[in-house]
Each structure stands twice: as C-alpha cells, then as structure tokens.
C-alpha cells in the first residue's frame, strides 16, 4: 500500500496491527538503517502488508514478493505512481501482471487529482 501523507500511512498501519496482522512501514521519518529491515521483513513473508509513503518508497526498494499495489491517496506526479507500482515488478517473476488499485472517494479532492493524473499519463503514453 502506498499513501501520500505519512499520517495516513501510520493510521493504516494502526488498523492493520489492531486486526492482528504484521506490517512493514517506511515513511520519510524511517531511519535509513531501519528501512532495509522493514523491506526484508516484508520480502521474507513475516509482514503480510507493506505500507509506504510515496516519496520515501518510489525508488530503490524491492517489493517483488507482492502481486498487488493499493494506492490510498493520489499525487499529482504520474512518475511517483509509476515508480511506486514498479517496486513489485521483477524480471524473474512469471505469471499474471500485478494488480493495481487506486482508491478514492467519488467527488473528493483525491478523486479529482487522480482523474487528472490518469489523463496526464494517457497523454504521455500517446506521445511516446
């Protein structure tokens, strides 16, 4: 799971923990020394859920054990969404393409932002 605001990451983590599941969390507040441990915990299967702040997790981490990405908040940066979703890709992985969910509430600011981001990405894809 990815969110834009670290407070949202912490609230999601709180709900998952209260439900009895183990999760790994990385935000901009996570010390560099702790980040690799959080990733390893998820990659090894100890933590069933990874929750990350988009800006802290969009590059340089391997979450390839996952097959699903859930964005719970939108961002204006199409590159941030693409980078974060590519964290679960691995050239050695065979089978189905990853599932990507973009959660928003109809007529909310996030819904409007996400709609514009997807339109922007569609234009970029047509140009390329």
C-alpha atoms as a PDB file:
ATOM      1  CA  UNK A   1       0.000   0.000   0.000  1.00  0.00           C
ATOM      2  CA  UNK A   2       1.145   3.495  -0.727  1.00  0.00           C
ATOM      3  CA  UNK A   3      -0.105   6.820   0.592  1.00  0.00           C
ATOM      4  CA  UNK A   4       0.983  10.407   0.056  1.00  0.00           C
ATOM      5  CA  UNK A   5       0.829  11.587   3.685  1.00  0.00           C
ATOM      6  CA  UNK A   6       2.776   9.843   6.422  1.00  0.00           C
ATOM      7  CA  UNK A   7      -0.104  10.355   8.854  1.00  0.00           C
ATOM      8  CA  UNK A   8      -2.282   8.238   6.560  1.00  0.00           C
ATOM      9  CA  UNK A   9       0.451   5.565   6.479  1.00  0.00           C
ATOM     10  CA  UNK A  10       0.517   5.493  10.285  1.00  0.00           C
ATOM     11  CA  UNK A  11      -3.284   5.250  10.557  1.00  0.00           C
ATOM     12  CA  UNK A  12      -3.420   2.381   8.057  1.00  0.00           C
ATOM     13  CA  UNK A  13      -0.657   0.626   9.959  1.00  0.00           C
ATOM     14  CA  UNK A  14      -2.560   1.104  13.215  1.00  0.00           C
ATOM     15  CA  UNK A  15      -5.666  -0.522  11.720  1.00  0.00           C
ATOM     16  CA  UNK A  16      -3.723  -3.438  10.275  1.00  0.00           C
ATOM     17  CA  UNK A  17      -1.859  -4.015  13.544  1.00  0.00           C
ATOM     18  CA  UNK A  18      -5.103  -3.878  15.525  1.00  0.00           C
ATOM     19  CA  UNK A  19      -6.504  -6.522  13.164  1.00  0.00           C
ATOM     20  CA  UNK A  20      -3.686  -8.842  14.185  1.00  0.00           C
ATOM     21  CA  UNK A  21      -1.525  -8.620  11.069  1.00  0.00           C
ATOM     22  CA  UNK A  22       2.160  -7.822  10.870  1.00  0.00           C
ATOM     23  CA  UNK A  23       3.129  -4.920   8.582  1.00  0.00           C
ATOM     24  CA  UNK A  24       6.249  -3.150   7.400  1.00  0.00           C
ATOM     25  CA  UNK A  25       6.211   0.649   7.284  1.00  0.00           C
ATOM     26  CA  UNK A  26       8.509   3.165   5.628  1.00  0.00           C
ATOM     27  CA  UNK A  27       7.993   6.929   5.625  1.00  0.00           C
ATOM     28  CA  UNK A  28      10.387   9.836   5.380  1.00  0.00           C
ATOM     29  CA  UNK A  29      10.740   9.559   9.174  1.00  0.00           C
ATOM     30  CA  UNK A  30      12.067   5.977   8.990  1.00  0.00           C
ATOM     31  CA  UNK A  31      15.834   5.972   9.647  1.00  0.00           C
ATOM     32  CA  UNK A  32      17.911   4.640   6.757  1.00  0.00           C
ATOM     33  CA  UNK A  33      19.300   1.855   8.973  1.00  0.00           C
ATOM     34  CA  UNK A  34      15.769   0.577   9.695  1.00  0.00           C
ATOM     35  CA  UNK A  35      14.484   0.658   6.102  1.00  0.00           C
ATOM     36  CA  UNK A  36      16.288  -2.465   4.901  1.00  0.00           C
ATOM     37  CA  UNK A  37      14.915  -4.403   7.885  1.00  0.00           C
ATOM     38  CA  UNK A  38      11.361  -3.317   7.069  1.00  0.00           C
ATOM     39  CA  UNK A  39      11.798  -4.404   3.442  1.00  0.00           C
ATOM     40  CA  UNK A  40      13.341  -7.755   4.449  1.00  0.00           C
ATOM     41  CA  UNK A  41      10.505  -8.387   6.899  1.00  0.00           C
ATOM     42  CA  UNK A  42       8.019  -7.958   4.041  1.00  0.00           C
ATOM     43  CA  UNK A  43      10.051  -9.827   1.417  1.00  0.00           C
ATOM     44  CA  UNK A  44      10.509 -12.820   3.759  1.00  0.00           C
ATOM     45  CA  UNK A  45       6.783 -13.050   4.499  1.00  0.00           C
ATOM     46  CA  UNK A  46       6.960 -12.092   8.183  1.00  0.00           C
ATOM     47  CA  UNK A  47       4.965  -8.964   7.420  1.00  0.00           C
ATOM     48  CA  UNK A  48       1.965  -9.579   5.171  1.00  0.00           C
ATOM     49  CA  UNK A  49       1.478  -5.906   4.295  1.00  0.00           C
ATOM     50  CA  UNK A  50       3.892  -3.178   3.266  1.00  0.00           C
ATOM     51  CA  UNK A  51       2.775   0.422   3.786  1.00  0.00           C
ATOM     52  CA  UNK A  52       4.909   3.184   2.389  1.00  0.00           C
ATOM     53  CA  UNK A  53       4.942   6.912   1.896  1.00  0.00           C
ATOM     54  CA  UNK A  54       5.083   7.585  -1.855  1.00  0.00           C
ATOM     55  CA  UNK A  55       8.031   9.959  -1.725  1.00  0.00           C
ATOM     56  CA  UNK A  56      10.050   7.713   0.595  1.00  0.00           C
ATOM     57  CA  UNK A  57       9.432   4.490  -1.342  1.00  0.00           C
ATOM     58  CA  UNK A  58       9.214   5.287  -5.004  1.00  0.00           C
ATOM     59  CA  UNK A  59      12.761   4.248  -5.901  1.00  0.00           C
ATOM     60  CA  UNK A  60      15.434   1.804  -4.851  1.00  0.00           C
ATOM     61  CA  UNK A  61      13.419  -0.785  -2.939  1.00  0.00           C
ATOM     62  CA  UNK A  62      12.448  -4.327  -3.891  1.00  0.00           C
ATOM     63  CA  UNK A  63       8.916  -5.402  -3.027  1.00  0.00           C
ATOM     64  CA  UNK A  64       8.776  -8.075  -5.723  1.00  0.00           C
ATOM     65  CA  UNK A  65       7.171 -10.658  -3.433  1.00  0.00           C
ATOM     66  CA  UNK A  66       3.929  -8.655  -3.783  1.00  0.00           C
ATOM     67  CA  UNK A  67       1.420  -9.099  -6.585  1.00  0.00           C
ATOM     68  CA  UNK A  68      -0.906  -6.214  -5.690  1.00  0.00           C
ATOM     69  CA  UNK A  69      -0.424  -2.478  -5.177  1.00  0.00           C
ATOM     70  CA  UNK A  70      -3.032  -0.284  -3.498  1.00  0.00           C
ATOM     71  CA  UNK A  71      -2.778   3.495  -3.659  1.00  0.00           C
ATOM     72  CA  UNK A  72      -4.905   5.035  -0.922  1.00  0.00           C
ATOM     73  CA  UNK A  73      -4.038   8.631  -1.813  1.00  0.00           C
ATOM     74  CA  UNK A  74      -3.344  10.291  -5.121  1.00  0.00           C
ATOM     75  CA  UNK A  75      -0.489  12.572  -6.062  1.00  0.00           C
ATOM     76  CA  UNK A  76      -0.048  14.990  -8.964  1.00  0.00           C
ATOM     77  CA  UNK A  77       3.127  13.213 -10.015  1.00  0.00           C
ATOM     78  CA  UNK A  78       2.469  10.435 -12.504  1.00  0.00           C
ATOM     79  CA  UNK A  79       6.086   9.366 -12.130  1.00  0.00           C
ATOM     80  CA  UNK A  80       5.575   8.749  -8.400  1.00  0.00           C
ATOM     81  CA  UNK A  81       2.694   6.359  -9.088  1.00  0.00           C
ATOM     82  CA  UNK A  82       4.622   4.564 -11.820  1.00  0.00           C
ATOM     83  CA  UNK A  83       7.783   4.267  -9.732  1.00  0.00           C
ATOM     84  CA  UNK A  84       5.929   3.006  -6.676  1.00  0.00           C
ATOM     85  CA  UNK A  85       3.961   0.426  -8.645  1.00  0.00           C
ATOM     86  CA  UNK A  86       7.128  -0.804 -10.343  1.00  0.00           C
ATOM     87  CA  UNK A  87       8.552  -1.762  -6.917  1.00  0.00           C
ATOM     88  CA  UNK A  88       6.685  -5.080  -7.181  1.00  0.00           C
ATOM     89  CA  UNK A  89       8.000  -5.925 -10.638  1.00  0.00           C
ATOM     90  CA  UNK A  90      10.803  -8.391 -11.175  1.00  0.00           C
ATOM     91  CA  UNK A  91      12.086  -9.706 -14.499  1.00  0.00           C
ATOM     92  CA  UNK A  92      12.339 -13.199 -12.977  1.00  0.00           C
ATOM     93  CA  UNK A  93       8.664 -13.168 -11.957  1.00  0.00           C
ATOM     94  CA  UNK A  94       6.352 -15.133 -14.225  1.00  0.00           C
ATOM     95  CA  UNK A  95       2.586 -15.344 -14.242  1.00  0.00           C
ATOM     96  CA  UNK A  96      -0.056 -12.679 -14.018  1.00  0.00           C
ATOM     97  CA  UNK A  97       0.565  -8.972 -14.249  1.00  0.00           C
ATOM     98  CA  UNK A  98       0.368  -7.166 -10.901  1.00  0.00           C
ATOM     99  CA  UNK A  99      -2.964  -5.776  -9.768  1.00  0.00           C
ATOM    100  CA  UNK A 100      -3.011  -2.034  -9.137  1.00  0.00           C
ATOM    101  CA  UNK A 101      -5.858  -0.432  -7.210  1.00  0.00           C
ATOM    102  CA  UNK A 102      -6.352   3.323  -6.972  1.00  0.00           C
ATOM    103  CA  UNK A 103      -8.749   4.056  -4.119  1.00  0.00           C
ATOM    104  CA  UNK A 104     -10.649   7.324  -3.984  1.00  0.00           C
ATOM    105  CA  UNK A 105     -13.970   8.641  -2.764  1.00  0.00           C
ATOM    106  CA  UNK A 106     -16.211   9.912  -5.550  1.00  0.00           C
ATOM    107  CA  UNK A 107     -16.201  13.694  -5.937  1.00  0.00           C
ATOM    108  CA  UNK A 108     -13.376  14.090  -3.409  1.00  0.00           C
ATOM    109  CA  UNK A 109     -10.189  16.070  -4.000  1.00  0.00           C
ATOM    110  CA  UNK A 110      -8.259  12.795  -4.352  1.00  0.00           C
ATOM    111  CA  UNK A 111     -10.718  11.612  -6.992  1.00  0.00           C
ATOM    112  CA  UNK A 112     -10.247  14.839  -8.960  1.00  0.00           C
ATOM    113  CA  UNK A 113      -6.463  14.669  -8.633  1.00  0.00           C
ATOM    114  CA  UNK A 114      -6.334  11.024  -9.682  1.00  0.00           C
ATOM    115  CA  UNK A 115      -8.568  11.650 -12.685  1.00  0.00           C
ATOM    116  CA  UNK A 116      -6.235  14.434 -13.848  1.00  0.00           C
ATOM    117  CA  UNK A 117      -3.131  12.329 -13.196  1.00  0.00           C
ATOM    118  CA  UNK A 118      -4.522   9.453 -15.264  1.00  0.00           C
ATOM    119  CA  UNK A 119      -5.482  11.835 -18.076  1.00  0.00           C
ATOM    120  CA  UNK A 120      -1.979  13.283 -17.981  1.00  0.00           C
ATOM    121  CA  UNK A 121      -0.448   9.794 -18.097  1.00  0.00           C
ATOM    122  CA  UNK A 122      -2.670   8.847 -21.029  1.00  0.00           C
ATOM    123  CA  UNK A 123      -1.410  11.889 -22.957  1.00  0.00           C
ATOM    124  CA  UNK A 124       2.204  10.967 -22.169  1.00  0.00           C
ATOM    125  CA  UNK A 125       1.575   7.376 -23.320  1.00  0.00           C
ATOM    126  CA  UNK A 126       0.094   8.611 -26.608  1.00  0.00           C
ATOM    127  CA  UNK A 127       3.101  10.854 -27.260  1.00  0.00           C
ATOM    128  CA  UNK A 128       5.593   8.100 -26.537  1.00  0.00           C
END
